[in-house]
Amino acid sequence: MYIKNINFNEKKNLFIVTLDDNTKFNISYELYEKLNLAPNHDINEKEYNLLDEEDNYQCCKYIAENFINYKMRTEFEIHRKLTQSTKNSASINKVIQYYKKLDLINDERYAEEYIKQNITYRYLSKKMIEFKLKEKGIDSKISKKYLNEYDNEIEYKNALNVFNKKYKNEDLSDYKIKQKYFRFLSSKGFDFSIINRILKDE
């Protein structure tokens, strides 16, 4: 098996090595130099494996980069995305570590921003936010660290906003209707004490 040709992809900043059977590998300049590659070079098994590993890593890196550029992602989300393309855990972990070093994967910052956005603009309850962050792979210790920055008064105002958006000026004298409102706010993750306060005030 030998190298048929080598091209340079300026967009990806990678060399494309094509073998005589038309197998293509995307590799870095570092590996290109290390293996001293050139057209007609005979590829042994060790070199082939290195090219294959590098190609897998570069493909994972490209997928992760596009995924991150779209919006902030958690480490769990990126890991899940990459496993859809490859089962090579070494490449996946290498890519994740690469972007963590660049601070483009940062679960703490993600949690802080996510909580701020959803409490301030979407009026979600702290329980609901913690649940959603857990689905994204964020440890509950990280979630609680930033959720604790928001007191019960903010939680009350958010619950009131949610309630008024759906049931403003509704009659709360009927017990069954009141229970319906209670179940609604409870399904949004608001605490019993917060819900009772709203129903009492309204």
N, C-alpha and C. Protein backbone atom coordinates (compact mmCIF):
# COMPACT_ATOMS: atom_id res chain seq x y z
N MET A 1 0.86 -1.19 0.00
CA MET A 1 0.00 0.00 0.00
C MET A 1 0.90 1.25 0.00
N TYR A 2 0.59 2.19 -0.89
CA TYR A 2 1.45 3.37 -0.97
C TYR A 2 0.58 4.65 -1.10
N ILE A 3 1.22 5.79 -0.90
CA ILE A 3 0.54 7.08 -1.00
C ILE A 3 0.44 7.49 -2.47
N LYS A 4 -0.79 7.71 -2.92
CA LYS A 4 -1.01 8.13 -4.31
C LYS A 4 -0.76 9.63 -4.46
N ASN A 5 -1.34 10.41 -3.54
CA ASN A 5 -1.07 11.85 -3.55
C ASN A 5 -1.37 12.49 -2.20
N ILE A 6 -0.85 13.69 -2.03
CA ILE A 6 -1.05 14.46 -0.79
C ILE A 6 -1.48 15.87 -1.19
N ASN A 7 -2.60 16.31 -0.64
CA ASN A 7 -3.10 17.67 -0.88
C ASN A 7 -3.25 18.40 0.45
N PHE A 8 -3.28 19.72 0.38
CA PHE A 8 -3.46 20.52 1.59
C PHE A 8 -4.80 21.24 1.53
N ASN A 9 -5.62 21.04 2.56
CA ASN A 9 -6.92 21.70 2.65
C ASN A 9 -6.77 22.97 3.49
N GLU A 10 -6.78 24.12 2.84
CA GLU A 10 -6.56 25.39 3.54
C GLU A 10 -7.68 25.71 4.51
N LYS A 11 -8.90 25.33 4.15
CA LYS A 11 -10.05 25.62 5.01
C LYS A 11 -9.93 24.90 6.35
N LYS A 12 -9.53 23.64 6.30
CA LYS A 12 -9.39 22.84 7.53
C LYS A 12 -7.98 22.91 8.11
N ASN A 13 -7.04 23.44 7.31
CA ASN A 13 -5.64 23.50 7.71
C ASN A 13 -5.09 22.09 7.98
N LEU A 14 -5.43 21.16 7.09
CA LEU A 14 -5.02 19.77 7.24
C LEU A 14 -4.52 19.22 5.90
N PHE A 15 -3.65 18.23 6.00
CA PHE A 15 -3.20 17.51 4.81
C PHE A 15 -4.18 16.36 4.53
N ILE A 16 -4.47 16.13 3.25
CA ILE A 16 -5.31 15.00 2.86
C ILE A 16 -4.40 14.00 2.16
N VAL A 17 -4.23 12.86 2.81
CA VAL A 17 -3.37 11.81 2.27
C VAL A 17 -4.26 10.76 1.62
N THR A 18 -4.04 10.52 0.34
CA THR A 18 -4.82 9.53 -0.41
C THR A 18 -3.93 8.34 -0.77
N LEU A 19 -4.39 7.15 -0.39
CA LEU A 19 -3.64 5.93 -0.70
C LEU A 19 -4.03 5.38 -2.07
N ASP A 20 -3.32 4.35 -2.48
CA ASP A 20 -3.56 3.79 -3.81
C ASP A 20 -4.94 3.14 -3.95
N ASP A 21 -5.57 2.79 -2.80
CA ASP A 21 -6.94 2.23 -2.86
C ASP A 21 -7.99 3.32 -2.67
N ASN A 22 -7.55 4.60 -2.75
CA ASN A 22 -8.39 5.79 -2.62
C ASN A 22 -8.89 6.05 -1.19
N THR A 23 -8.32 5.35 -0.21
CA THR A 23 -8.59 5.67 1.19
C THR A 23 -7.97 7.04 1.49
N LYS A 24 -8.75 7.91 2.14
CA LYS A 24 -8.27 9.26 2.44
C LYS A 24 -8.15 9.46 3.94
N PHE A 25 -7.10 10.18 4.35
CA PHE A 25 -6.88 10.51 5.76
C PHE A 25 -6.65 12.01 5.90
N ASN A 26 -7.35 12.63 6.85
CA ASN A 26 -7.11 14.03 7.20
C ASN A 26 -6.11 14.04 8.36
N ILE A 27 -4.96 14.66 8.13
CA ILE A 27 -3.93 14.64 9.17
C ILE A 27 -3.34 16.03 9.39
N SER A 28 -2.76 16.21 10.56
CA SER A 28 -2.15 17.49 10.93
C SER A 28 -0.77 17.64 10.29
N TYR A 29 -0.28 18.86 10.30
CA TYR A 29 1.07 19.13 9.80
C TYR A 29 2.11 18.37 10.63
N GLU A 30 1.83 18.29 11.96
CA GLU A 30 2.78 17.62 12.87
C GLU A 30 2.98 16.15 12.49
N LEU A 31 1.88 15.45 12.21
CA LEU A 31 2.00 14.04 11.84
C LEU A 31 2.60 13.89 10.45
N TYR A 32 2.26 14.80 9.58
CA TYR A 32 2.83 14.80 8.22
C TYR A 32 4.36 14.89 8.28
N GLU A 33 4.86 15.77 9.13
CA GLU A 33 6.30 15.95 9.30
C GLU A 33 6.91 14.75 10.01
N LYS A 34 6.24 14.28 11.04
CA LYS A 34 6.76 13.16 11.84
C LYS A 34 6.97 11.91 10.99
N LEU A 35 6.03 11.62 10.12
CA LEU A 35 6.11 10.41 9.29
C LEU A 35 6.88 10.65 7.99
N ASN A 36 7.22 11.93 7.74
CA ASN A 36 7.97 12.29 6.54
C ASN A 36 7.28 11.74 5.28
N LEU A 37 6.00 12.09 5.16
CA LEU A 37 5.18 11.52 4.08
C LEU A 37 5.45 12.19 2.74
N ALA A 38 5.29 11.39 1.69
CA ALA A 38 5.46 11.89 0.33
C ALA A 38 4.78 10.92 -0.63
N PRO A 39 4.40 11.39 -1.82
CA PRO A 39 3.80 10.49 -2.82
C PRO A 39 4.72 9.30 -3.10
N ASN A 40 4.07 8.14 -3.30
CA ASN A 40 4.74 6.87 -3.58
C ASN A 40 5.39 6.23 -2.35
N HIS A 41 5.24 6.89 -1.22
CA HIS A 41 5.78 6.33 0.03
C HIS A 41 4.98 5.08 0.41
N ASP A 42 5.70 3.97 0.67
CA ASP A 42 5.04 2.74 1.12
C ASP A 42 4.60 2.89 2.57
N ILE A 43 3.33 2.56 2.83
CA ILE A 43 2.77 2.69 4.18
C ILE A 43 2.78 1.34 4.87
N ASN A 44 3.46 1.29 6.03
CA ASN A 44 3.44 0.04 6.80
C ASN A 44 2.23 0.05 7.75
N GLU A 45 2.07 -1.03 8.48
CA GLU A 45 0.89 -1.18 9.34
C GLU A 45 0.86 -0.13 10.45
N LYS A 46 2.00 0.13 11.05
CA LYS A 46 2.07 1.13 12.13
C LYS A 46 1.69 2.52 11.62
N GLU A 47 2.22 2.88 10.46
CA GLU A 47 1.91 4.19 9.88
C GLU A 47 0.43 4.28 9.50
N TYR A 48 -0.09 3.20 8.97
CA TYR A 48 -1.51 3.18 8.59
C TYR A 48 -2.39 3.43 9.82
N ASN A 49 -2.06 2.76 10.92
CA ASN A 49 -2.84 2.93 12.16
C ASN A 49 -2.75 4.35 12.69
N LEU A 50 -1.57 4.95 12.59
CA LEU A 50 -1.40 6.35 13.02
C LEU A 50 -2.23 7.30 12.15
N LEU A 51 -2.23 7.06 10.87
CA LEU A 51 -3.04 7.88 9.95
C LEU A 51 -4.53 7.72 10.26
N ASP A 52 -4.93 6.51 10.51
CA ASP A 52 -6.34 6.22 10.80
C ASP A 52 -6.77 6.89 12.10
N GLU A 53 -5.93 6.79 13.14
CA GLU A 53 -6.24 7.41 14.44
C GLU A 53 -6.31 8.93 14.31
N GLU A 54 -5.36 9.50 13.55
CA GLU A 54 -5.33 10.94 13.37
C GLU A 54 -6.56 11.42 12.59
N ASP A 55 -6.93 10.68 11.56
CA ASP A 55 -8.10 11.03 10.78
C ASP A 55 -9.36 11.01 11.63
N ASN A 56 -9.48 10.00 12.47
CA ASN A 56 -10.64 9.89 13.37
C ASN A 56 -10.69 11.07 14.33
N TYR A 57 -9.54 11.41 14.87
CA TYR A 57 -9.45 12.56 15.79
C TYR A 57 -9.82 13.86 15.09
N GLN A 58 -9.28 14.09 13.90
CA GLN A 58 -9.55 15.34 13.17
C GLN A 58 -11.02 15.45 12.77
N CYS A 59 -11.63 14.32 12.42
CA CYS A 59 -13.06 14.33 12.07
C CYS A 59 -13.90 14.66 13.30
N CYS A 60 -13.55 14.09 14.44
CA CYS A 60 -14.25 14.39 15.69
C CYS A 60 -14.08 15.86 16.07
N LYS A 61 -12.89 16.34 15.89
CA LYS A 61 -12.57 17.73 16.21
C LYS A 61 -13.40 18.69 15.35
N TYR A 62 -13.53 18.35 14.08
CA TYR A 62 -14.30 19.19 13.15
C TYR A 62 -15.78 19.20 13.52
N ILE A 63 -16.31 18.04 13.87
CA ILE A 63 -17.72 17.94 14.29
C ILE A 63 -17.95 18.75 15.57
N ALA A 64 -17.04 18.59 16.53
CA ALA A 64 -17.17 19.30 17.81
C ALA A 64 -17.08 20.81 17.61
N GLU A 65 -16.18 21.25 16.75
CA GLU A 65 -16.01 22.68 16.49
C GLU A 65 -17.29 23.30 15.94
N ASN A 66 -17.90 22.65 14.97
CA ASN A 66 -19.16 23.15 14.40
C ASN A 66 -20.28 23.14 15.42
N PHE A 67 -20.30 22.11 16.25
CA PHE A 67 -21.32 21.96 17.29
C PHE A 67 -21.18 23.06 18.33
N ILE A 68 -19.95 23.38 18.72
CA ILE A 68 -19.69 24.42 19.71
C ILE A 68 -19.95 25.81 19.14
N ASN A 69 -19.60 26.01 17.88
CA ASN A 69 -19.76 27.33 17.27
C ASN A 69 -21.22 27.74 17.17
N TYR A 70 -22.12 26.77 17.11
CA TYR A 70 -23.55 27.07 16.99
C TYR A 70 -24.07 27.69 18.28
N LYS A 71 -23.69 27.13 19.43
CA LYS A 71 -24.02 27.69 20.74
C LYS A 71 -23.22 26.94 21.81
N MET A 72 -23.26 27.44 23.03
CA MET A 72 -22.53 26.78 24.12
C MET A 72 -23.06 25.37 24.35
N ARG A 73 -22.14 24.45 24.64
CA ARG A 73 -22.52 23.06 24.89
C ARG A 73 -21.84 22.56 26.15
N THR A 74 -22.45 21.55 26.76
CA THR A 74 -21.83 20.90 27.91
C THR A 74 -20.92 19.77 27.42
N GLU A 75 -20.06 19.33 28.30
CA GLU A 75 -19.17 18.21 27.96
C GLU A 75 -19.99 16.97 27.59
N PHE A 76 -21.07 16.74 28.32
CA PHE A 76 -21.93 15.59 28.06
C PHE A 76 -22.56 15.67 26.67
N GLU A 77 -23.03 16.86 26.29
CA GLU A 77 -23.66 17.04 24.98
C GLU A 77 -22.68 16.79 23.85
N ILE A 78 -21.45 17.26 24.01
CA ILE A 78 -20.43 17.07 22.98
C ILE A 78 -20.06 15.59 22.88
N HIS A 79 -19.91 14.94 24.02
CA HIS A 79 -19.59 13.52 24.05
C HIS A 79 -20.68 12.72 23.32
N ARG A 80 -21.94 13.05 23.62
CA ARG A 80 -23.07 12.36 22.98
C ARG A 80 -23.08 12.60 21.48
N LYS A 81 -22.79 13.83 21.08
CA LYS A 81 -22.76 14.17 19.65
C LYS A 81 -21.67 13.37 18.92
N LEU A 82 -20.51 13.27 19.52
CA LEU A 82 -19.39 12.59 18.88
C LEU A 82 -19.60 11.09 18.81
N THR A 83 -20.28 10.52 19.80
CA THR A 83 -20.52 9.06 19.78
C THR A 83 -21.48 8.67 18.67
N GLN A 84 -22.18 9.65 18.10
CA GLN A 84 -23.04 9.38 16.95
C GLN A 84 -22.22 9.17 15.68
N SER A 85 -20.97 9.65 15.72
CA SER A 85 -20.11 9.56 14.54
C SER A 85 -19.01 8.51 14.67
N THR A 86 -18.60 8.22 15.90
CA THR A 86 -17.52 7.26 16.10
C THR A 86 -17.65 6.57 17.46
N LYS A 87 -17.11 5.38 17.54
CA LYS A 87 -17.06 4.65 18.81
C LYS A 87 -15.65 4.70 19.40
N ASN A 88 -14.79 5.49 18.78
CA ASN A 88 -13.41 5.61 19.23
C ASN A 88 -13.35 6.56 20.43
N SER A 89 -13.38 5.98 21.62
CA SER A 89 -13.43 6.78 22.85
C SER A 89 -12.16 7.61 23.04
N ALA A 90 -11.03 7.09 22.54
CA ALA A 90 -9.76 7.83 22.68
C ALA A 90 -9.83 9.15 21.92
N SER A 91 -10.35 9.11 20.71
CA SER A 91 -10.48 10.33 19.90
C SER A 91 -11.46 11.31 20.54
N ILE A 92 -12.57 10.78 21.03
CA ILE A 92 -13.59 11.62 21.68
C ILE A 92 -13.01 12.33 22.88
N ASN A 93 -12.34 11.58 23.75
CA ASN A 93 -11.75 12.17 24.96
C ASN A 93 -10.66 13.17 24.63
N LYS A 94 -9.89 12.87 23.59
CA LYS A 94 -8.82 13.79 23.17
C LYS A 94 -9.40 15.11 22.68
N VAL A 95 -10.48 15.04 21.92
CA VAL A 95 -11.14 16.25 21.41
C VAL A 95 -11.72 17.07 22.56
N ILE A 96 -12.38 16.39 23.49
CA ILE A 96 -12.98 17.09 24.63
C ILE A 96 -11.90 17.79 25.46
N GLN A 97 -10.80 17.11 25.71
CA GLN A 97 -9.71 17.73 26.47
C GLN A 97 -9.12 18.92 25.72
N TYR A 98 -9.05 18.80 24.40
CA TYR A 98 -8.52 19.89 23.57
C TYR A 98 -9.36 21.16 23.74
N TYR A 99 -10.67 21.01 23.65
CA TYR A 99 -11.54 22.18 23.74
C TYR A 99 -11.73 22.67 25.18
N LYS A 100 -11.53 21.78 26.14
CA LYS A 100 -11.55 22.22 27.54
C LYS A 100 -10.34 23.11 27.84
N LYS A 101 -9.19 22.75 27.27
CA LYS A 101 -7.99 23.57 27.45
C LYS A 101 -8.16 24.95 26.83
N LEU A 102 -8.91 25.01 25.74
CA LEU A 102 -9.19 26.30 25.09
C LEU A 102 -10.33 27.05 25.79
N ASP A 103 -10.89 26.42 26.81
CA ASP A 103 -12.01 26.97 27.58
C ASP A 103 -13.28 27.13 26.74
N LEU A 104 -13.40 26.32 25.70
CA LEU A 104 -14.61 26.33 24.88
C LEU A 104 -15.62 25.30 25.39
N ILE A 105 -15.15 24.41 26.25
CA ILE A 105 -16.03 23.52 27.00
C ILE A 105 -15.80 23.84 28.47
N ASN A 106 -16.82 24.37 29.11
CA ASN A 106 -16.71 24.77 30.51
C ASN A 106 -18.08 24.62 31.16
N ASP A 107 -18.29 23.51 31.85
CA ASP A 107 -19.60 23.21 32.43
C ASP A 107 -20.01 24.21 33.50
N GLU A 108 -19.04 24.74 34.23
CA GLU A 108 -19.37 25.73 35.27
C GLU A 108 -19.92 27.00 34.63
N ARG A 109 -19.22 27.49 33.61
CA ARG A 109 -19.69 28.71 32.93
C ARG A 109 -21.03 28.47 32.24
N TYR A 110 -21.18 27.28 31.65
CA TYR A 110 -22.44 26.94 31.00
C TYR A 110 -23.58 27.00 32.01
N ALA A 111 -23.40 26.36 33.17
CA ALA A 111 -24.44 26.33 34.20
C ALA A 111 -24.78 27.73 34.68
N GLU A 112 -23.77 28.54 34.92
CA GLU A 112 -23.99 29.91 35.39
C GLU A 112 -24.81 30.72 34.40
N GLU A 113 -24.46 30.64 33.11
CA GLU A 113 -25.17 31.39 32.07
C GLU A 113 -26.58 30.84 31.85
N TYR A 114 -26.70 29.53 31.85
CA TYR A 114 -28.00 28.89 31.63
C TYR A 114 -28.98 29.29 32.74
N ILE A 115 -28.52 29.25 33.97
CA ILE A 115 -29.36 29.61 35.12
C ILE A 115 -29.77 31.08 35.05
N LYS A 116 -28.82 31.93 34.74
CA LYS A 116 -29.11 33.37 34.64
C LYS A 116 -30.18 33.65 33.58
N GLN A 117 -30.02 33.04 32.41
CA GLN A 117 -30.96 33.26 31.32
C GLN A 117 -32.36 32.74 31.65
N ASN A 118 -32.43 31.55 32.24
CA ASN A 118 -33.73 30.93 32.48
C ASN A 118 -34.46 31.46 33.69
N ILE A 119 -33.73 31.99 34.64
CA ILE A 119 -34.39 32.62 35.79
C ILE A 119 -34.81 34.05 35.44
N THR A 120 -33.93 34.76 34.76
CA THR A 120 -34.18 36.18 34.47
C THR A 120 -35.18 36.41 33.35
N TYR A 121 -35.13 35.59 32.31
CA TYR A 121 -35.93 35.85 31.12
C TYR A 121 -37.04 34.83 30.85
N ARG A 122 -36.90 33.61 31.36
CA ARG A 122 -37.91 32.59 31.09
C ARG A 122 -38.74 32.24 32.33
N TYR A 123 -38.34 32.78 33.47
CA TYR A 123 -39.07 32.62 34.74
C TYR A 123 -39.24 31.16 35.15
N LEU A 124 -38.22 30.35 34.89
CA LEU A 124 -38.28 28.96 35.31
C LEU A 124 -37.99 28.81 36.80
N SER A 125 -38.52 27.76 37.38
CA SER A 125 -38.24 27.48 38.79
C SER A 125 -36.85 26.88 38.91
N LYS A 126 -36.30 26.98 40.11
CA LYS A 126 -34.96 26.44 40.34
C LYS A 126 -34.94 24.91 40.17
N LYS A 127 -36.00 24.26 40.59
CA LYS A 127 -36.08 22.80 40.44
C LYS A 127 -36.10 22.40 38.97
N MET A 128 -36.85 23.14 38.18
CA MET A 128 -36.94 22.84 36.75
C MET A 128 -35.59 23.05 36.06
N ILE A 129 -34.91 24.12 36.44
CA ILE A 129 -33.60 24.41 35.86
C ILE A 129 -32.60 23.33 36.23
N GLU A 130 -32.62 22.92 37.50
CA GLU A 130 -31.70 21.87 37.93
C GLU A 130 -31.97 20.57 37.17
N PHE A 131 -33.24 20.27 36.93
CA PHE A 131 -33.61 19.07 36.18
C PHE A 131 -33.10 19.14 34.75
N LYS A 132 -33.29 20.31 34.11
CA LYS A 132 -32.85 20.49 32.73
C LYS A 132 -31.33 20.42 32.61
N LEU A 133 -30.63 20.98 33.60
CA LEU A 133 -29.17 20.92 33.59
C LEU A 133 -28.67 19.50 33.80
N LYS A 134 -29.39 18.74 34.62
CA LYS A 134 -29.03 17.34 34.84
C LYS A 134 -29.13 16.56 33.53
N GLU A 135 -30.16 16.87 32.73
CA GLU A 135 -30.33 16.22 31.42
C GLU A 135 -29.16 16.54 30.49
N LYS A 136 -28.54 17.70 30.72
CA LYS A 136 -27.40 18.11 29.90
C LYS A 136 -26.07 17.65 30.49
N GLY A 137 -26.16 16.84 31.57
CA GLY A 137 -24.95 16.26 32.15
C GLY A 137 -24.26 17.12 33.19
N ILE A 138 -24.92 18.18 33.65
CA ILE A 138 -24.32 19.06 34.66
C ILE A 138 -24.53 18.47 36.05
N ASP A 139 -23.46 18.33 36.80
CA ASP A 139 -23.52 17.80 38.16
C ASP A 139 -24.37 18.71 39.04
N SER A 140 -25.17 18.11 39.93
CA SER A 140 -26.07 18.89 40.78
C SER A 140 -25.31 19.85 41.70
N LYS A 141 -24.08 19.51 42.05
CA LYS A 141 -23.27 20.40 42.90
C LYS A 141 -22.99 21.71 42.18
N ILE A 142 -22.72 21.62 40.88
CA ILE A 142 -22.48 22.83 40.08
C ILE A 142 -23.77 23.63 39.95
N SER A 143 -24.89 22.94 39.68
CA SER A 143 -26.18 23.62 39.54
C SER A 143 -26.54 24.37 40.82
N LYS A 144 -26.44 23.68 41.94
CA LYS A 144 -26.82 24.28 43.23
C LYS A 144 -25.93 25.47 43.59
N LYS A 145 -24.67 25.38 43.21
CA LYS A 145 -23.72 26.47 43.50
C LYS A 145 -24.24 27.80 42.94
N TYR A 146 -24.75 27.77 41.71
CA TYR A 146 -25.21 29.00 41.07
C TYR A 146 -26.69 29.28 41.33
N LEU A 147 -27.49 28.23 41.54
CA LEU A 147 -28.90 28.44 41.87
C LEU A 147 -29.06 29.10 43.23
N ASN A 148 -28.13 28.82 44.14
CA ASN A 148 -28.19 29.40 45.49
C ASN A 148 -27.96 30.90 45.50
N GLU A 149 -27.52 31.45 44.37
CA GLU A 149 -27.35 32.90 44.27
C GLU A 149 -28.69 33.62 44.13
N TYR A 150 -29.75 32.86 43.87
CA TYR A 150 -31.09 33.44 43.69
C TYR A 150 -31.98 33.04 44.87
N ASP A 151 -32.52 34.04 45.56
CA ASP A 151 -33.29 33.76 46.78
C ASP A 151 -34.75 33.42 46.46
N ASN A 152 -35.51 33.14 47.53
CA ASN A 152 -36.92 32.73 47.39
C ASN A 152 -37.80 33.84 46.84
N GLU A 153 -37.40 35.08 47.05
CA GLU A 153 -38.20 36.19 46.53
C GLU A 153 -38.19 36.21 45.00
N ILE A 154 -37.05 35.89 44.42
CA ILE A 154 -36.95 35.79 42.96
C ILE A 154 -37.78 34.60 42.47
N GLU A 155 -37.74 33.49 43.23
CA GLU A 155 -38.53 32.31 42.89
C GLU A 155 -40.02 32.64 42.93
N TYR A 156 -40.42 33.42 43.92
CA TYR A 156 -41.82 33.84 44.04
C TYR A 156 -42.23 34.71 42.84
N LYS A 157 -41.41 35.67 42.49
CA LYS A 157 -41.71 36.56 41.36
C LYS A 157 -41.81 35.77 40.05
N ASN A 158 -40.96 34.78 39.89
CA ASN A 158 -41.02 33.96 38.68
C ASN A 158 -42.30 33.13 38.62
N ALA A 159 -42.67 32.55 39.76
CA ALA A 159 -43.91 31.78 39.84
C ALA A 159 -45.11 32.67 39.56
N LEU A 160 -45.07 33.89 40.08
CA LEU A 160 -46.17 34.85 39.87
C LEU A 160 -46.26 35.23 38.39
N ASN A 161 -45.12 35.42 37.75
CA ASN A 161 -45.09 35.74 36.32
C ASN A 161 -45.70 34.61 35.49
N VAL A 162 -45.33 33.38 35.83
CA VAL A 162 -45.86 32.20 35.13
C VAL A 162 -47.36 32.09 35.34
N PHE A 163 -47.79 32.32 36.58
CA PHE A 163 -49.21 32.24 36.92
C PHE A 163 -50.03 33.30 36.17
N ASN A 164 -49.56 34.54 36.21
CA ASN A 164 -50.29 35.65 35.58
C ASN A 164 -50.35 35.52 34.06
N LYS A 165 -49.33 34.94 33.50
CA LYS A 165 -49.30 34.77 32.05
C LYS A 165 -50.41 33.83 31.59
N LYS A 166 -50.77 32.86 32.44
CA LYS A 166 -51.76 31.87 32.05
C LYS A 166 -53.12 32.11 32.69
N TYR A 167 -53.12 32.60 33.94
CA TYR A 167 -54.38 32.67 34.68
C TYR A 167 -54.70 34.05 35.25
N LYS A 168 -54.18 35.09 34.70
CA LYS A 168 -54.43 36.43 35.22
C LYS A 168 -55.92 36.75 35.20
N ASN A 169 -56.39 37.31 36.29
CA ASN A 169 -57.80 37.73 36.47
C ASN A 169 -58.79 36.56 36.52
N GLU A 170 -58.29 35.35 36.76
CA GLU A 170 -59.17 34.20 36.90
C GLU A 170 -59.76 34.15 38.31
N ASP A 171 -60.90 33.51 38.43
CA ASP A 171 -61.58 33.38 39.72
C ASP A 171 -60.95 32.26 40.55
N LEU A 172 -60.45 32.61 41.74
CA LEU A 172 -59.79 31.63 42.60
C LEU A 172 -60.68 31.20 43.77
N SER A 173 -61.94 31.60 43.73
CA SER A 173 -62.83 31.26 44.84
C SER A 173 -63.25 29.78 44.82
N ASP A 174 -63.27 29.19 43.63
CA ASP A 174 -63.65 27.79 43.50
C ASP A 174 -62.46 26.89 43.87
N TYR A 175 -62.70 25.97 44.79
CA TYR A 175 -61.63 25.11 45.30
C TYR A 175 -61.04 24.24 44.19
N LYS A 176 -61.88 23.70 43.31
CA LYS A 176 -61.40 22.84 42.23
C LYS A 176 -60.51 23.61 41.26
N ILE A 177 -60.91 24.84 40.98
CA ILE A 177 -60.11 25.68 40.08
C ILE A 177 -58.77 26.01 40.75
N LYS A 178 -58.85 26.28 42.04
CA LYS A 178 -57.63 26.59 42.80
C LYS A 178 -56.66 25.41 42.77
N GLN A 179 -57.21 24.21 42.88
CA GLN A 179 -56.38 23.01 42.82
C GLN A 179 -55.74 22.84 41.44
N LYS A 180 -56.50 23.22 40.44
CA LYS A 180 -55.99 23.15 39.06
C LYS A 180 -54.77 24.07 38.91
N TYR A 181 -54.87 25.27 39.46
CA TYR A 181 -53.77 26.23 39.40
C TYR A 181 -52.57 25.72 40.20
N PHE A 182 -52.89 25.08 41.32
CA PHE A 182 -51.83 24.54 42.17
C PHE A 182 -51.05 23.46 41.41
N ARG A 183 -51.78 22.57 40.75
CA ARG A 183 -51.13 21.50 40.00
C ARG A 183 -50.28 22.06 38.85
N PHE A 184 -50.79 23.13 38.23
CA PHE A 184 -50.07 23.75 37.13
C PHE A 184 -48.72 24.30 37.60
N LEU A 185 -48.73 25.06 38.69
CA LEU A 185 -47.49 25.64 39.20
C LEU A 185 -46.55 24.57 39.75
N SER A 186 -47.14 23.54 40.32
CA SER A 186 -46.34 22.43 40.85
C SER A 186 -45.63 21.70 39.72
N SER A 187 -46.30 21.55 38.58
CA SER A 187 -45.69 20.88 37.43
C SER A 187 -44.53 21.68 36.86
N LYS A 188 -44.48 22.97 37.18
CA LYS A 188 -43.38 23.83 36.73
C LYS A 188 -42.22 23.81 37.71
N GLY A 189 -42.39 23.05 38.81
CA GLY A 189 -41.28 22.88 39.75
C GLY A 189 -41.25 23.86 40.91
N PHE A 190 -42.31 24.65 41.06
CA PHE A 190 -42.33 25.61 42.17
C PHE A 190 -42.74 24.92 43.47
N ASP A 191 -42.16 25.38 44.59
CA ASP A 191 -42.41 24.76 45.89
C ASP A 191 -43.81 25.04 46.41
N PHE A 192 -44.26 24.15 47.29
CA PHE A 192 -45.58 24.24 47.92
C PHE A 192 -45.79 25.61 48.58
N SER A 193 -44.78 26.08 49.32
CA SER A 193 -44.92 27.36 50.04
C SER A 193 -45.06 28.53 49.08
N ILE A 194 -44.33 28.49 47.98
CA ILE A 194 -44.40 29.56 46.98
C ILE A 194 -45.78 29.58 46.32
N ILE A 195 -46.29 28.41 45.97
CA ILE A 195 -47.59 28.30 45.31
C ILE A 195 -48.70 28.78 46.24
N ASN A 196 -48.66 28.35 47.48
CA ASN A 196 -49.67 28.77 48.45
C ASN A 196 -49.68 30.28 48.63
N ARG A 197 -48.50 30.86 48.65
CA ARG A 197 -48.39 32.32 48.82
C ARG A 197 -49.04 33.04 47.64
N ILE A 198 -48.83 32.54 46.43
CA ILE A 198 -49.40 33.16 45.24
C ILE A 198 -50.92 33.04 45.25
N LEU A 199 -51.42 31.85 45.51
CA LEU A 199 -52.87 31.62 45.52
C LEU A 199 -53.55 32.42 46.61
N LYS A 200 -52.87 32.60 47.71
CA LYS A 200 -53.41 33.40 48.82
C LYS A 200 -53.44 34.87 48.46
N ASP A 201 -52.34 35.35 47.89
CA ASP A 201 -52.24 36.77 47.51
C ASP A 201 -53.21 37.13 46.40
N GLU A 202 -53.40 36.19 45.47
CA GLU A 202 -54.27 36.47 44.33
C GLU A 202 -55.73 36.38 44.72
